[in-house]
């Protein structure tokens, strides 16, 4: 697995196409992880399970962004074999603790058992050992998407079982009444505070970027789990680049 290595990790969001082919393409690009977006995307259950299975076969970390910490998709994603979960708009340490409780087996949490299934490769074995292994490998990433969450970032990062903070800067800018102003001092201060909280508690600082300039800014601040856009974003980016190239070649004909 990749995200918990002490090195940067790179991937993308999957919003539109949770498919075996998408995972294979990402693997050919040497992606470390894919985040299947159950908050904004349409995650059909069978397609999601197949995509997660292919991630495991190709040694890509599958992470599922759930709509909310109490969503059934949390346990379903993990039971399907996902490596971890991404929780949107976490605003308190209590919410982070709830995520840990739902994602970890006892005694670390309250997750229901589903052994001999996709999450452990349909294998037999000692249940106590399986619990230890599953709890150790399950990633829990908390999204900071509001000024309230930012103010609690240090407490959230301190929670045992939380592996990293993900800065949702677009939603943060909207909640902070500076929508889309990604270089506003409020947004800049938030990203630096989130990075500092992660450093202080040895957690991963995570973010999505869509340009070289954004990547440079976040890398300089210490973010090292980076999603480059989404499947829809990179597809449109590729189409736009190619079509614009064609139009320039033929005198921008309409």
Protein backbone atom coordinates (compact mmCIF):
# COMPACT_ATOMS: atom_id res chain seq x y z
CA UNK A 1 0.00 0.00 0.00
CA UNK A 2 1.09 3.53 -0.61
CA UNK A 3 -0.53 6.44 1.21
CA UNK A 4 1.01 5.61 4.59
CA UNK A 5 4.55 5.43 3.25
CA UNK A 6 6.73 8.30 4.43
CA UNK A 7 6.83 9.76 0.96
CA UNK A 8 4.51 11.80 -1.26
CA UNK A 9 1.55 10.00 -2.86
CA UNK A 10 -0.32 11.02 -6.00
CA UNK A 11 -3.69 10.12 -7.46
CA UNK A 12 -7.01 11.53 -8.59
CA UNK A 13 -10.73 11.66 -7.83
CA UNK A 14 -13.14 9.39 -9.67
CA UNK A 15 -16.47 11.16 -10.01
CA UNK A 16 -17.95 9.93 -13.29
CA UNK A 17 -16.38 6.60 -14.21
CA UNK A 18 -15.91 4.09 -11.40
CA UNK A 19 -14.87 1.29 -13.73
CA UNK A 20 -12.25 -1.39 -14.17
CA UNK A 21 -10.95 0.43 -17.27
CA UNK A 22 -10.52 3.70 -15.38
CA UNK A 23 -8.49 1.94 -12.71
CA UNK A 24 -6.33 0.23 -15.32
CA UNK A 25 -5.65 3.55 -17.04
CA UNK A 26 -4.72 5.14 -13.70
CA UNK A 27 -2.41 2.23 -12.96
CA UNK A 28 -0.71 2.70 -16.32
CA UNK A 29 -0.07 6.31 -15.25
CA UNK A 30 1.52 5.02 -12.01
CA UNK A 31 -1.14 6.44 -9.68
CA UNK A 32 -0.73 5.66 -5.99
CA UNK A 33 -4.41 6.08 -5.09
CA UNK A 34 -7.87 6.80 -6.43
CA UNK A 35 -10.68 8.46 -4.48
CA UNK A 36 -14.13 7.25 -5.47
CA UNK A 37 -16.47 10.17 -4.85
CA UNK A 38 -19.65 9.02 -3.16
CA UNK A 39 -20.51 12.59 -2.15
CA UNK A 40 -20.66 14.32 -5.55
CA UNK A 41 -20.37 11.39 -7.93
CA UNK A 42 -22.79 8.61 -8.81
CA UNK A 43 -21.35 5.42 -7.31
CA UNK A 44 -23.33 2.43 -8.59
CA UNK A 45 -22.63 -0.39 -6.13
CA UNK A 46 -21.52 -3.15 -8.50
CA UNK A 47 -19.27 -0.82 -10.52
CA UNK A 48 -17.70 0.55 -7.35
CA UNK A 49 -16.99 -2.93 -6.01
CA UNK A 50 -15.42 -3.99 -9.30
CA UNK A 51 -13.28 -0.85 -9.43
CA UNK A 52 -12.09 -1.35 -5.86
CA UNK A 53 -11.24 -4.98 -6.63
CA UNK A 54 -9.16 -3.86 -9.60
CA UNK A 55 -7.39 -1.27 -7.42
CA UNK A 56 -6.40 -4.04 -5.03
CA UNK A 57 -5.23 -6.25 -7.89
CA UNK A 58 -3.05 -3.43 -9.26
CA UNK A 59 -1.76 -2.17 -5.87
CA UNK A 60 -3.57 1.16 -6.00
CA UNK A 61 -5.09 2.45 -2.77
CA UNK A 62 -8.86 2.79 -3.17
CA UNK A 63 -10.39 5.46 -0.94
CA UNK A 64 -14.13 6.18 -0.81
CA UNK A 65 -15.39 9.68 -0.11
CA UNK A 66 -18.66 9.14 1.73
CA UNK A 67 -21.54 11.66 1.77
CA UNK A 68 -21.43 11.84 5.57
CA UNK A 69 -19.81 10.04 8.45
CA UNK A 70 -23.02 8.11 9.17
CA UNK A 71 -23.48 6.99 5.55
CA UNK A 72 -23.92 3.29 4.80
CA UNK A 73 -21.34 3.81 2.05
CA UNK A 74 -18.65 4.00 4.73
CA UNK A 75 -18.97 0.38 5.79
CA UNK A 76 -19.94 -0.79 2.31
CA UNK A 77 -16.83 0.75 0.80
CA UNK A 78 -14.52 -0.75 3.40
CA UNK A 79 -16.24 -4.14 3.17
CA UNK A 80 -15.73 -4.02 -0.61
CA UNK A 81 -12.01 -3.77 0.02
CA UNK A 82 -11.36 -0.02 -0.01
CA UNK A 83 -8.20 0.99 1.77
CA UNK A 84 -9.75 4.00 3.43
CA UNK A 85 -12.45 6.63 3.70
CA UNK A 86 -12.57 10.37 3.18
CA UNK A 87 -15.08 12.19 5.42
CA UNK A 88 -16.43 15.54 4.15
CA UNK A 89 -16.70 18.74 6.15
CA UNK A 90 -15.43 17.52 9.52
CA UNK A 91 -15.89 20.34 12.02
CA UNK A 92 -15.00 18.83 15.37
CA UNK A 93 -12.88 16.24 17.11
CA UNK A 94 -16.11 14.45 18.02
CA UNK A 95 -16.98 13.97 14.35
CA UNK A 96 -13.49 12.63 13.72
CA UNK A 97 -13.86 10.21 16.62
CA UNK A 98 -17.17 9.03 15.16
CA UNK A 99 -15.43 8.33 11.85
CA UNK A 100 -12.80 6.25 13.64
CA UNK A 101 -15.50 4.36 15.53
CA UNK A 102 -17.38 3.51 12.34
CA UNK A 103 -14.28 2.54 10.34
CA UNK A 104 -12.35 0.48 12.90
CA UNK A 105 -13.17 -2.88 14.43
CA UNK A 106 -13.32 -3.21 18.25
CA UNK A 107 -11.59 -2.32 20.46
CA UNK A 108 -10.53 0.71 18.36
CA UNK A 109 -14.06 1.24 17.03
CA UNK A 110 -17.48 -0.28 16.48
CA UNK A 111 -17.36 -1.52 12.88
CA UNK A 112 -19.40 -4.65 12.25
CA UNK A 113 -17.55 -7.80 11.21
CA UNK A 114 -17.57 -8.93 7.57
CA UNK A 115 -14.70 -11.38 7.38
CA UNK A 116 -14.24 -13.92 4.63
CA UNK A 117 -15.42 -11.22 2.21
CA UNK A 118 -13.88 -8.80 -0.29
CA UNK A 119 -12.24 -6.74 2.45
CA UNK A 120 -9.93 -9.61 3.45
CA UNK A 121 -9.67 -11.31 0.08
CA UNK A 122 -12.32 -13.94 0.92
CA UNK A 123 -9.70 -15.70 3.01
CA UNK A 124 -10.05 -17.69 6.18
CA UNK A 125 -7.85 -17.16 9.18
CA UNK A 126 -7.73 -16.03 12.75
CA UNK A 127 -10.34 -13.35 13.44
CA UNK A 128 -8.24 -11.56 16.07
CA UNK A 129 -5.36 -11.28 13.58
CA UNK A 130 -7.70 -10.03 10.88
CA UNK A 131 -8.96 -7.28 13.19
CA UNK A 132 -5.43 -6.09 13.93
CA UNK A 133 -4.50 -6.10 10.25
CA UNK A 134 -7.67 -4.32 9.12
CA UNK A 135 -7.43 -1.62 11.76
CA UNK A 136 -3.78 -1.00 10.87
CA UNK A 137 -4.39 -0.65 7.14
CA UNK A 138 -7.63 1.38 7.20
CA UNK A 139 -7.01 5.04 6.37
CA UNK A 140 -9.25 7.77 7.75
CA UNK A 141 -8.91 11.19 6.12
CA UNK A 142 -10.93 14.15 7.40
CA UNK A 143 -11.84 17.01 5.09
CA UNK A 144 -11.54 20.55 6.42
CA UNK A 145 -14.03 22.62 4.43
CA UNK A 146 -15.18 25.42 6.73
CA UNK A 147 -13.77 28.06 9.08
CA UNK A 148 -15.17 26.05 12.02
CA UNK A 149 -13.35 22.94 10.84
CA UNK A 150 -10.19 24.96 10.30
CA UNK A 151 -10.39 26.31 13.86
CA UNK A 152 -10.61 22.71 15.10
CA UNK A 153 -7.94 21.33 12.74
CA UNK A 154 -5.36 20.79 15.45
CA UNK A 155 -7.82 18.85 17.64
CA UNK A 156 -9.05 16.81 14.68
CA UNK A 157 -5.48 15.93 13.68
CA UNK A 158 -4.74 14.86 17.25
CA UNK A 159 -7.37 12.08 17.20
CA UNK A 160 -5.86 8.61 17.26
CA UNK A 161 -6.94 6.77 14.14
CA UNK A 162 -7.14 9.87 11.94
CA UNK A 163 -4.40 9.55 9.32
CA UNK A 164 -4.62 12.92 7.62
CA UNK A 165 -6.47 16.15 6.92
CA UNK A 166 -7.76 17.01 3.45
CA UNK A 167 -8.16 20.70 2.64
CA UNK A 168 -11.34 21.31 0.62
CA UNK A 169 -10.42 24.82 -0.37
CA UNK A 170 -13.37 25.55 -2.69
CA UNK A 171 -15.98 24.75 -0.04
CA UNK A 172 -13.83 26.53 2.52
CA UNK A 173 -13.74 29.70 0.41
CA UNK A 174 -17.53 29.59 0.03
CA UNK A 175 -18.09 29.04 3.76
CA UNK A 176 -15.65 31.87 4.50
CA UNK A 177 -17.66 34.24 2.23
CA UNK A 178 -14.84 34.58 -0.29
CA UNK A 179 -16.14 32.13 -2.92
CA UNK A 180 -13.49 31.05 -5.40
CA UNK A 181 -10.89 33.52 -4.11
CA UNK A 182 -8.28 30.83 -3.55
CA UNK A 183 -5.45 33.26 -2.83
CA UNK A 184 -7.47 35.28 -0.33
CA UNK A 185 -5.70 35.65 2.99
CA UNK A 186 -8.37 33.57 4.74
CA UNK A 187 -7.78 30.61 2.41
CA UNK A 188 -4.01 30.99 2.55
CA UNK A 189 -4.04 31.12 6.34
CA UNK A 190 -6.27 28.04 6.49
CA UNK A 191 -4.00 25.93 4.30
CA UNK A 192 -0.98 26.90 6.37
CA UNK A 193 -2.80 26.12 9.61
CA UNK A 194 -3.95 22.74 8.32
CA UNK A 195 -0.42 21.89 7.18
CA UNK A 196 0.93 22.91 10.59
CA UNK A 197 -1.63 20.74 12.42
CA UNK A 198 -0.58 17.76 10.29
CA UNK A 199 3.10 18.38 11.00
CA UNK A 200 2.48 18.74 14.72
CA UNK A 201 0.67 15.38 14.91
CA UNK A 202 2.61 13.47 12.22
CA UNK A 203 -0.44 13.21 9.96
CA UNK A 204 -0.67 13.51 6.19
CA UNK A 205 -1.62 16.86 4.64
CA UNK A 206 -3.81 16.20 1.59
CA UNK A 207 -5.32 18.31 -1.18
CA UNK A 208 -6.61 18.27 -4.75
CA UNK A 209 -4.90 20.55 -7.28
CA UNK A 210 -5.67 21.39 -10.89
CA UNK A 211 -2.59 23.32 -12.02
CA UNK A 212 1.17 23.49 -11.66
CA UNK A 213 0.83 26.76 -9.74
CA UNK A 214 -1.51 25.20 -7.16
CA UNK A 215 0.73 22.17 -6.84
CA UNK A 216 3.76 24.37 -6.15
CA UNK A 217 1.96 26.39 -3.46
CA UNK A 218 0.67 23.37 -1.59
CA UNK A 219 3.90 21.41 -1.88
CA UNK A 220 5.80 24.34 -0.42
CA UNK A 221 3.43 24.40 2.56
CA UNK A 222 3.97 20.70 3.24
CA UNK A 223 1.04 18.98 1.52
CA UNK A 224 2.27 15.68 0.11
CA UNK A 225 -0.82 13.58 -0.65
CA UNK A 226 -1.95 15.15 -3.89
CA UNK A 227 -4.95 14.36 -6.09
CA UNK A 228 -4.64 15.88 -9.53
CA UNK A 229 -8.19 16.81 -10.46
CA UNK A 230 -10.82 14.21 -11.25
CA UNK A 231 -11.56 11.82 -14.09
CA UNK A 232 -13.93 14.41 -15.60
CA UNK A 233 -11.37 17.20 -15.21
CA UNK A 234 -8.45 15.36 -16.81
CA UNK A 235 -10.69 14.05 -19.63
CA UNK A 236 -11.91 17.54 -20.46
CA UNK A 237 -8.38 18.90 -20.14
CA UNK A 238 -7.15 16.33 -22.64
CA UNK A 239 -10.02 16.93 -25.05
CA UNK A 240 -9.61 20.71 -24.83
CA UNK A 241 -5.86 20.56 -25.48
CA UNK A 242 -6.25 18.27 -28.49
CA UNK A 243 -9.18 20.11 -30.06
CA UNK A 244 -7.52 23.50 -29.59
CA UNK A 245 -4.39 22.10 -31.26
CA UNK A 246 -6.51 21.01 -34.23
CA UNK A 247 -8.25 24.38 -34.47
CA UNK A 248 -4.94 26.26 -34.45
CA UNK A 249 -3.61 24.00 -37.20
CA UNK A 250 -6.63 24.76 -39.41
CA UNK A 251 -6.82 28.48 -38.72
CA UNK A 252 -9.34 28.26 -35.87
CA UNK A 253 -12.15 27.28 -38.22
CA UNK A 254 -15.59 26.92 -36.61
